[in-house]
């Protein structure tokens, strides 16, 4: 198994974890919610971007290297 096959599930788990943390922070409210919910959603967007880049790299590698 090559590195990309390991990175895809790791990236998806990271996105899911950040999403769950952001939802938790949003529903907890108070000072914690105000300071972390928006930051967590920004982290989710970055994690999704990285996950998409990994998926695109995997598709490119599969086309060029079989």
C-alpha atoms as a PDB file:
ATOM      1  CA  UNK A   1       0.000   0.000   0.000  1.00  0.00           C
ATOM      2  CA  UNK A   2       1.454   3.367  -0.927  1.00  0.00           C
ATOM      3  CA  UNK A   3       1.328   6.580   1.087  1.00  0.00           C
ATOM      4  CA  UNK A   4      -1.677   8.084  -0.702  1.00  0.00           C
ATOM      5  CA  UNK A   5      -3.817   5.086   0.230  1.00  0.00           C
ATOM      6  CA  UNK A   6      -3.053   5.828   3.882  1.00  0.00           C
ATOM      7  CA  UNK A   7      -3.523   9.588   3.552  1.00  0.00           C
ATOM      8  CA  UNK A   8      -7.056   9.443   2.129  1.00  0.00           C
ATOM      9  CA  UNK A   9      -8.740   7.862   5.190  1.00  0.00           C
ATOM     10  CA  UNK A  10      -6.602   9.954   7.549  1.00  0.00           C
ATOM     11  CA  UNK A  11      -7.673  13.154   5.787  1.00  0.00           C
ATOM     12  CA  UNK A  12     -11.332  12.134   5.911  1.00  0.00           C
ATOM     13  CA  UNK A  13     -11.135  11.323   9.625  1.00  0.00           C
ATOM     14  CA  UNK A  14      -9.465  14.673  10.305  1.00  0.00           C
ATOM     15  CA  UNK A  15     -12.224  16.524   8.432  1.00  0.00           C
ATOM     16  CA  UNK A  16     -14.888  14.614  10.356  1.00  0.00           C
ATOM     17  CA  UNK A  17     -13.160  15.241  13.687  1.00  0.00           C
ATOM     18  CA  UNK A  18     -12.831  18.978  13.086  1.00  0.00           C
ATOM     19  CA  UNK A  19     -16.470  19.121  11.972  1.00  0.00           C
ATOM     20  CA  UNK A  20     -17.624  17.351  15.153  1.00  0.00           C
ATOM     21  CA  UNK A  21     -15.521  19.663  17.311  1.00  0.00           C
ATOM     22  CA  UNK A  22     -16.954  22.730  15.553  1.00  0.00           C
ATOM     23  CA  UNK A  23     -20.518  21.549  16.056  1.00  0.00           C
ATOM     24  CA  UNK A  24     -19.775  20.790  19.707  1.00  0.00           C
ATOM     25  CA  UNK A  25     -18.277  24.252  20.213  1.00  0.00           C
ATOM     26  CA  UNK A  26     -21.240  25.904  18.513  1.00  0.00           C
ATOM     27  CA  UNK A  27     -23.833  24.127  20.642  1.00  0.00           C
ATOM     28  CA  UNK A  28     -21.889  24.512  23.889  1.00  0.00           C
ATOM     29  CA  UNK A  29     -22.119  28.273  23.582  1.00  0.00           C
ATOM     30  CA  UNK A  30     -20.767  30.782  26.056  1.00  0.00           C
ATOM     31  CA  UNK A  31     -17.211  32.056  25.883  1.00  0.00           C
ATOM     32  CA  UNK A  32     -15.976  28.697  24.624  1.00  0.00           C
ATOM     33  CA  UNK A  33     -18.446  28.693  21.745  1.00  0.00           C
ATOM     34  CA  UNK A  34     -17.701  32.268  20.766  1.00  0.00           C
ATOM     35  CA  UNK A  35     -13.980  31.717  20.671  1.00  0.00           C
ATOM     36  CA  UNK A  36     -13.832  28.239  19.088  1.00  0.00           C
ATOM     37  CA  UNK A  37     -16.820  27.596  16.819  1.00  0.00           C
ATOM     38  CA  UNK A  38     -15.718  29.993  14.063  1.00  0.00           C
ATOM     39  CA  UNK A  39     -12.069  28.895  14.332  1.00  0.00           C
ATOM     40  CA  UNK A  40     -13.096  25.246  14.080  1.00  0.00           C
ATOM     41  CA  UNK A  41     -15.155  25.864  10.969  1.00  0.00           C
ATOM     42  CA  UNK A  42     -12.193  27.634   9.360  1.00  0.00           C
ATOM     43  CA  UNK A  43     -10.003  24.663  10.256  1.00  0.00           C
ATOM     44  CA  UNK A  44     -12.622  22.397   8.650  1.00  0.00           C
ATOM     45  CA  UNK A  45     -12.435  24.323   5.390  1.00  0.00           C
ATOM     46  CA  UNK A  46      -8.642  23.997   5.351  1.00  0.00           C
ATOM     47  CA  UNK A  47      -8.874  20.276   6.176  1.00  0.00           C
ATOM     48  CA  UNK A  48     -11.404  19.764   3.382  1.00  0.00           C
ATOM     49  CA  UNK A  49      -9.113  21.572   0.943  1.00  0.00           C
ATOM     50  CA  UNK A  50      -6.207  19.324   1.890  1.00  0.00           C
ATOM     51  CA  UNK A  51      -8.422  16.224   1.597  1.00  0.00           C
ATOM     52  CA  UNK A  52      -9.524  17.276  -1.888  1.00  0.00           C
ATOM     53  CA  UNK A  53      -5.899  17.843  -2.910  1.00  0.00           C
ATOM     54  CA  UNK A  54      -5.020  14.349  -1.690  1.00  0.00           C
ATOM     55  CA  UNK A  55      -7.935  12.838  -3.628  1.00  0.00           C
ATOM     56  CA  UNK A  56      -6.949  14.701  -6.795  1.00  0.00           C
ATOM     57  CA  UNK A  57      -3.341  13.574  -6.384  1.00  0.00           C
ATOM     58  CA  UNK A  58      -4.518   9.974  -5.964  1.00  0.00           C
ATOM     59  CA  UNK A  59      -6.633  10.148  -9.118  1.00  0.00           C
ATOM     60  CA  UNK A  60      -3.764  11.733 -11.057  1.00  0.00           C
ATOM     61  CA  UNK A  61      -1.319   9.090  -9.851  1.00  0.00           C
ATOM     62  CA  UNK A  62      -3.719   6.295 -10.751  1.00  0.00           C
ATOM     63  CA  UNK A  63      -4.138   7.638 -14.282  1.00  0.00           C
ATOM     64  CA  UNK A  64      -0.432   8.089 -14.900  1.00  0.00           C
ATOM     65  CA  UNK A  65       1.025   5.129 -13.026  1.00  0.00           C
ATOM     66  CA  UNK A  66      -1.822   2.628 -13.129  1.00  0.00           C
END
